[in-house]
Amino acid sequence: MAVINTQQLLNTISILSDQQSDRKVEDIQRDIICTPLKAFFPNVSQEQIYYELLGNGLFGATEIIDVKQLVKELEEKKIWEIVEVEYERLRLLWNGPEVPIYIYPLTKYRPILEGIEVNKNGVTYNGVLFLFVTPELVETELKALLAHEYHHICRLAFLNKSPKEMLLLDSLIIEGMAESAVEELYGEQWLSPWTKRYPFEESMTIWRKHFVPVLNQKGVKNHRSFLFGEGTKELPDWIGYCIGYKIVQSFLKKRGPIEQHILYKTLAHKIVEKSDFKI
């Protein structure tokens, strides 16, 4: 498995989409990208898969005119080769599972976070990993993105839970673990900005008041407002990600160094119990 030859898929989309309407291009793009994914989403339609990927950064039908040039630029930066080599290193280092990795250009319609335009995104589902990237990415930034998402793969394989079975506590810890792995591998400068967004005291207050009572809430879709926040005093932006990172870092500080293949097999409640965030 490992890194899929999405260059070929992208070039096929580009060729077939020439002189076509946006609607036709969307059909072509959806069929070529989503047909190989049906095995990972057996109970989900192609349309649902397609719009889920669009929501996480996949380029849209109106951007097809730029894809051929983007693929060329990404190949010149050796994006696929870098990901392949780093994936194999991480898989051996963490004793992780094999997983297919799909790399696609990131949409040009990107949000601004912390005053900076987003230049990458990654997402993991059901044993398949997606990276949405731009030519501006530097090598270590690309590796950090891969490591964050592949750590999710390792943790999810251990938990063996469906998205509907995942607890809010699971979601918090999985994000904290992934960023802690990034910091260990590449250094603090490659951490996501949300890791340091809120001071310890503020994070602890919000944790006790708004998170602890609902830590057993099931369903990943129900966790979004806690992870991403609501832009309110009670749930400020990115608060769940920040708290998850602080919990894992607190655990590691108290516990001492621990290899990642042991960390991702540590139960979430054990991590909380041995951190400053114990309930």
Protein backbone atom coordinates (compact mmCIF):
# COMPACT_ATOMS: atom_id res chain seq x y z
CA MET A 1 0.00 0.00 0.00
CA ALA A 2 1.74 3.14 1.28
CA VAL A 3 1.78 6.20 -0.98
CA ILE A 4 -0.70 5.91 -3.83
CA ASN A 5 0.17 7.16 -7.32
CA THR A 6 -2.31 10.02 -7.22
CA GLN A 7 -0.26 11.85 -9.87
CA GLN A 8 -1.71 9.45 -12.43
CA LEU A 9 -5.24 9.97 -11.11
CA LEU A 10 -4.79 13.75 -11.20
CA ASN A 11 -3.41 13.74 -14.74
CA THR A 12 -6.33 11.58 -15.88
CA ILE A 13 -8.79 14.02 -14.31
CA SER A 14 -7.01 16.91 -16.02
CA ILE A 15 -7.11 15.25 -19.45
CA LEU A 16 -10.74 14.12 -19.25
CA SER A 17 -11.87 17.49 -17.90
CA ASP A 18 -10.50 19.53 -20.80
CA GLN A 19 -13.24 21.69 -22.36
CA GLN A 20 -15.87 20.28 -19.97
CA SER A 21 -18.39 22.18 -17.86
CA ASP A 22 -17.81 22.54 -14.12
CA ARG A 23 -20.64 20.10 -13.51
CA LYS A 24 -19.09 17.48 -15.79
CA VAL A 25 -15.66 18.07 -14.24
CA GLU A 26 -17.16 17.45 -10.81
CA ASP A 27 -18.57 14.11 -12.00
CA ILE A 28 -15.21 13.11 -13.48
CA GLN A 29 -13.29 14.16 -10.38
CA ARG A 30 -15.69 12.40 -8.03
CA ASP A 31 -15.63 9.14 -9.98
CA ILE A 32 -11.86 8.95 -10.38
CA ILE A 33 -10.99 9.99 -6.83
CA CYS A 34 -13.76 8.21 -4.94
CA THR A 35 -14.18 4.90 -6.78
CA PRO A 36 -10.92 3.47 -5.31
CA LEU A 37 -12.08 4.55 -1.85
CA LYS A 38 -15.29 2.53 -1.71
CA ALA A 39 -13.52 -0.36 0.04
CA PHE A 40 -12.74 1.96 2.97
CA PHE A 41 -16.27 3.39 3.10
CA PRO A 42 -18.54 0.43 2.23
CA ASN A 43 -21.73 2.03 3.54
CA VAL A 44 -21.14 5.53 2.18
CA SER A 45 -22.02 6.87 -1.27
CA GLN A 46 -19.45 8.37 -3.63
CA GLU A 47 -21.13 11.73 -3.22
CA GLN A 48 -20.72 11.61 0.56
CA ILE A 49 -17.06 10.64 0.26
CA TYR A 50 -16.45 13.40 -2.28
CA TYR A 51 -18.03 16.16 -0.23
CA GLU A 52 -16.28 14.97 2.91
CA LEU A 53 -12.93 15.30 1.14
CA LEU A 54 -13.89 18.71 -0.25
CA GLY A 55 -14.70 19.81 3.28
CA ASN A 56 -11.21 18.82 4.40
CA GLY A 57 -9.28 20.61 1.67
CA LEU A 58 -9.57 18.73 -1.64
CA PHE A 59 -9.43 21.05 -4.66
CA GLY A 60 -12.80 21.67 -6.32
CA ALA A 61 -14.02 21.27 -9.90
CA THR A 62 -13.52 24.97 -10.67
CA GLU A 63 -9.81 24.60 -9.85
CA ILE A 64 -9.08 21.84 -12.37
CA ILE A 65 -7.37 24.28 -14.73
CA ASP A 66 -4.55 24.65 -12.18
CA VAL A 67 -4.11 20.97 -11.34
CA LYS A 68 -1.65 20.00 -14.09
CA GLN A 69 0.74 22.78 -13.07
CA LEU A 70 0.28 21.99 -9.38
CA VAL A 71 1.15 18.33 -9.93
CA LYS A 72 4.30 19.41 -11.78
CA GLU A 73 5.33 21.71 -8.94
CA LEU A 74 4.60 19.08 -6.29
CA GLU A 75 6.64 16.52 -8.23
CA GLU A 76 9.53 18.98 -8.49
CA LYS A 77 9.42 19.29 -4.70
CA LYS A 78 9.48 15.45 -4.50
CA ILE A 79 6.37 15.46 -2.29
CA TRP A 80 5.41 11.85 -2.98
CA GLU A 81 8.97 10.57 -2.46
CA ILE A 82 9.43 12.47 0.81
CA VAL A 83 6.16 11.12 2.19
CA GLU A 84 7.01 7.55 1.13
CA VAL A 85 10.40 7.58 2.85
CA GLU A 86 9.14 9.25 6.03
CA TYR A 87 6.12 6.96 6.23
CA GLU A 88 8.35 3.87 6.12
CA ARG A 89 10.57 5.37 8.81
CA LEU A 90 7.60 6.12 11.08
CA ARG A 91 5.99 2.75 10.49
CA LEU A 92 9.13 0.96 11.63
CA LEU A 93 9.84 3.40 14.46
CA TRP A 94 6.32 3.14 15.87
CA ASN A 95 5.60 -0.46 14.88
CA GLY A 96 2.53 0.89 13.10
CA PRO A 97 0.14 -0.62 10.55
CA GLU A 98 0.43 -0.35 6.80
CA VAL A 99 -1.93 2.24 5.37
CA PRO A 100 -2.62 3.76 1.94
CA ILE A 101 -1.76 7.46 1.68
CA TYR A 102 -3.50 9.68 -0.87
CA ILE A 103 -1.85 13.02 -1.65
CA TYR A 104 -3.87 15.74 -3.40
CA PRO A 105 -3.45 19.48 -4.01
CA LEU A 106 -5.02 21.67 -1.35
CA THR A 107 -7.85 23.93 -2.51
CA LYS A 108 -6.92 27.55 -3.16
CA TYR A 109 -9.93 28.61 -1.10
CA ARG A 110 -8.23 28.37 2.28
CA PRO A 111 -9.01 29.78 5.72
CA ILE A 112 -6.75 32.19 7.58
CA LEU A 113 -5.57 30.96 10.98
CA GLU A 114 -3.50 33.07 13.33
CA GLY A 115 -3.12 35.59 10.50
CA ILE A 116 -1.58 33.00 8.16
CA GLU A 117 -3.22 31.31 5.18
CA VAL A 118 -3.50 27.55 5.68
CA ASN A 119 -1.12 25.69 3.36
CA LYS A 120 -1.85 22.08 4.29
CA ASN A 121 -4.33 19.72 5.88
CA GLY A 122 -4.54 16.05 6.69
CA VAL A 123 -7.32 13.69 7.65
CA THR A 124 -7.60 10.03 8.61
CA TYR A 125 -10.55 7.66 8.19
CA ASN A 126 -11.01 3.93 8.55
CA GLY A 127 -7.39 3.00 7.89
CA VAL A 128 -6.80 5.43 5.03
CA LEU A 129 -4.84 8.68 5.20
CA PHE A 130 -5.20 11.84 3.10
CA LEU A 131 -2.78 14.75 2.77
CA PHE A 132 -3.83 17.98 1.06
CA VAL A 133 -0.71 19.97 0.27
CA THR A 134 0.75 22.96 -1.55
CA PRO A 135 4.12 23.48 -3.27
CA GLU A 136 5.03 26.08 -0.62
CA LEU A 137 5.43 23.42 2.07
CA VAL A 138 8.95 22.95 3.35
CA GLU A 139 10.12 19.38 3.86
CA THR A 140 9.93 19.27 7.65
CA GLU A 141 6.46 20.80 7.61
CA LEU A 142 5.31 18.04 5.26
CA LYS A 143 6.87 15.39 7.49
CA ALA A 144 5.19 16.86 10.57
CA LEU A 145 1.81 16.76 8.82
CA LEU A 146 2.34 13.13 7.88
CA ALA A 147 3.50 12.19 11.38
CA HIS A 148 0.46 13.81 13.00
CA GLU A 149 -1.94 11.90 10.76
CA TYR A 150 -0.06 8.61 10.84
CA HIS A 151 0.00 8.75 14.64
CA HIS A 152 -3.80 8.92 14.41
CA ILE A 153 -3.70 5.75 12.31
CA CYS A 154 -1.65 3.97 14.98
CA ARG A 155 -3.84 5.14 17.84
CA LEU A 156 -7.10 4.32 16.05
CA ALA A 157 -5.85 0.85 15.16
CA PHE A 158 -5.17 0.24 18.85
CA LEU A 159 -8.52 1.63 20.02
CA ASN A 160 -10.44 -0.34 17.39
CA LYS A 161 -13.54 1.83 17.81
CA SER A 162 -15.97 3.09 15.21
CA PRO A 163 -16.42 6.89 14.94
CA LYS A 164 -19.76 6.51 16.72
CA GLU A 165 -18.09 4.72 19.65
CA MET A 166 -15.33 7.27 20.18
CA LEU A 167 -15.56 9.22 23.45
CA LEU A 168 -14.78 12.91 23.71
CA LEU A 169 -11.86 11.92 25.94
CA ASP A 170 -10.55 9.68 23.14
CA SER A 171 -10.72 12.57 20.67
CA LEU A 172 -8.84 14.93 22.99
CA ILE A 173 -6.07 12.46 23.74
CA ILE A 174 -5.61 11.36 20.13
CA GLU A 175 -4.87 14.95 19.12
CA GLY A 176 -2.58 15.56 22.07
CA MET A 177 -0.64 12.38 21.35
CA ALA A 178 -0.17 13.25 17.69
CA GLU A 179 1.23 16.72 18.37
CA SER A 180 3.46 15.37 21.13
CA ALA A 181 4.88 12.94 18.58
CA VAL A 182 5.51 15.82 16.16
CA GLU A 183 7.36 17.74 18.86
CA GLU A 184 9.49 14.74 19.75
CA LEU A 185 10.42 14.05 16.13
CA TYR A 186 10.93 17.48 14.62
CA GLY A 187 11.05 20.02 17.43
CA GLU A 188 8.76 22.57 19.05
CA GLN A 189 8.90 24.95 16.07
CA TRP A 190 6.82 22.53 13.99
CA LEU A 191 3.95 22.27 16.46
CA SER A 192 0.53 23.52 15.40
CA PRO A 193 -0.14 27.03 16.78
CA TRP A 194 -3.13 25.83 18.81
CA THR A 195 -0.88 23.85 21.15
CA LYS A 196 0.21 27.02 22.96
CA ARG A 197 -2.85 29.16 22.37
CA TYR A 198 -4.16 29.21 25.95
CA PRO A 199 -2.24 29.30 29.25
CA PHE A 200 -2.42 26.41 31.68
CA GLU A 201 -4.73 28.14 34.18
CA GLU A 202 -7.32 29.08 31.56
CA SER A 203 -7.17 25.62 29.99
CA MET A 204 -7.64 23.96 33.38
CA THR A 205 -10.66 26.13 34.24
CA ILE A 206 -12.38 25.33 30.94
CA TRP A 207 -11.44 21.66 31.27
CA ARG A 208 -13.05 21.29 34.67
CA LYS A 209 -16.15 23.31 33.90
CA HIS A 210 -16.99 22.39 30.31
CA PHE A 211 -15.13 19.18 29.43
CA VAL A 212 -15.07 16.93 32.49
CA PRO A 213 -18.90 16.62 32.69
CA VAL A 214 -19.11 15.35 29.09
CA LEU A 215 -15.93 13.31 28.61
CA ASN A 216 -17.96 10.16 27.93
CA GLN A 217 -19.97 11.76 25.14
CA LYS A 218 -19.86 9.40 22.16
CA GLY A 219 -19.60 10.16 18.45
CA VAL A 220 -16.83 12.05 16.66
CA LYS A 221 -19.37 14.35 15.02
CA ASN A 222 -20.48 15.45 18.49
CA HIS A 223 -16.93 16.43 19.45
CA ARG A 224 -16.35 19.15 16.85
CA SER A 225 -17.53 22.07 18.98
CA PHE A 226 -15.30 20.90 21.84
CA LEU A 227 -12.24 20.36 19.66
CA PHE A 228 -12.51 23.39 17.38
CA GLY A 229 -14.35 25.57 19.88
CA GLU A 230 -17.26 27.89 19.23
CA GLY A 231 -15.50 31.23 19.51
CA THR A 232 -17.05 31.81 22.93
CA LYS A 233 -15.60 32.33 26.39
CA GLU A 234 -16.82 28.86 27.39
CA LEU A 235 -15.40 27.13 24.30
CA PRO A 236 -12.84 29.40 22.61
CA ASP A 237 -11.35 28.48 19.24
CA TRP A 238 -9.23 25.30 19.16
CA ILE A 239 -9.62 24.78 22.90
CA GLY A 240 -10.02 20.99 22.73
CA TYR A 241 -6.87 20.54 20.68
CA CYS A 242 -4.98 22.76 23.11
CA ILE A 243 -6.26 20.89 26.16
CA GLY A 244 -5.52 17.50 24.61
CA TYR A 245 -1.93 18.53 23.99
CA LYS A 246 -1.52 19.92 27.51
CA ILE A 247 -2.89 16.72 29.05
CA VAL A 248 -0.46 14.50 27.16
CA GLN A 249 2.47 16.83 27.84
CA SER A 250 1.61 16.87 31.54
CA PHE A 251 1.49 13.07 31.55
CA LEU A 252 4.87 12.84 29.81
CA LYS A 253 6.44 15.31 32.22
CA LYS A 254 5.29 13.28 35.20
CA ARG A 255 5.85 9.86 33.64
CA GLY A 256 9.14 10.57 31.91
CA PRO A 257 10.20 9.59 28.37
CA ILE A 258 8.10 6.89 26.73
CA GLU A 259 8.37 5.36 23.28
CA GLN A 260 5.55 6.24 20.91
CA HIS A 261 4.53 2.65 20.27
CA ILE A 262 3.89 2.37 24.02
CA LEU A 263 2.26 5.78 24.34
CA TYR A 264 -0.35 5.21 21.64
CA LYS A 265 -1.34 1.98 23.39
CA THR A 266 -1.91 3.73 26.72
CA LEU A 267 -5.56 4.11 27.71
CA ALA A 268 -6.88 7.67 27.72
CA HIS A 269 -8.10 7.61 31.30
CA LYS A 270 -4.68 6.40 32.47
CA ILE A 271 -3.07 9.40 30.82
CA VAL A 272 -5.52 11.78 32.49
CA GLU A 273 -5.07 10.11 35.89
CA LYS A 274 -1.31 10.62 35.75
CA SER A 275 -1.47 14.22 34.54
CA ASP A 276 -2.24 17.58 36.13
CA PHE A 277 -5.71 17.26 34.60
CA LYS A 278 -6.74 14.28 36.70
CA ILE A 279 -10.43 14.25 37.50
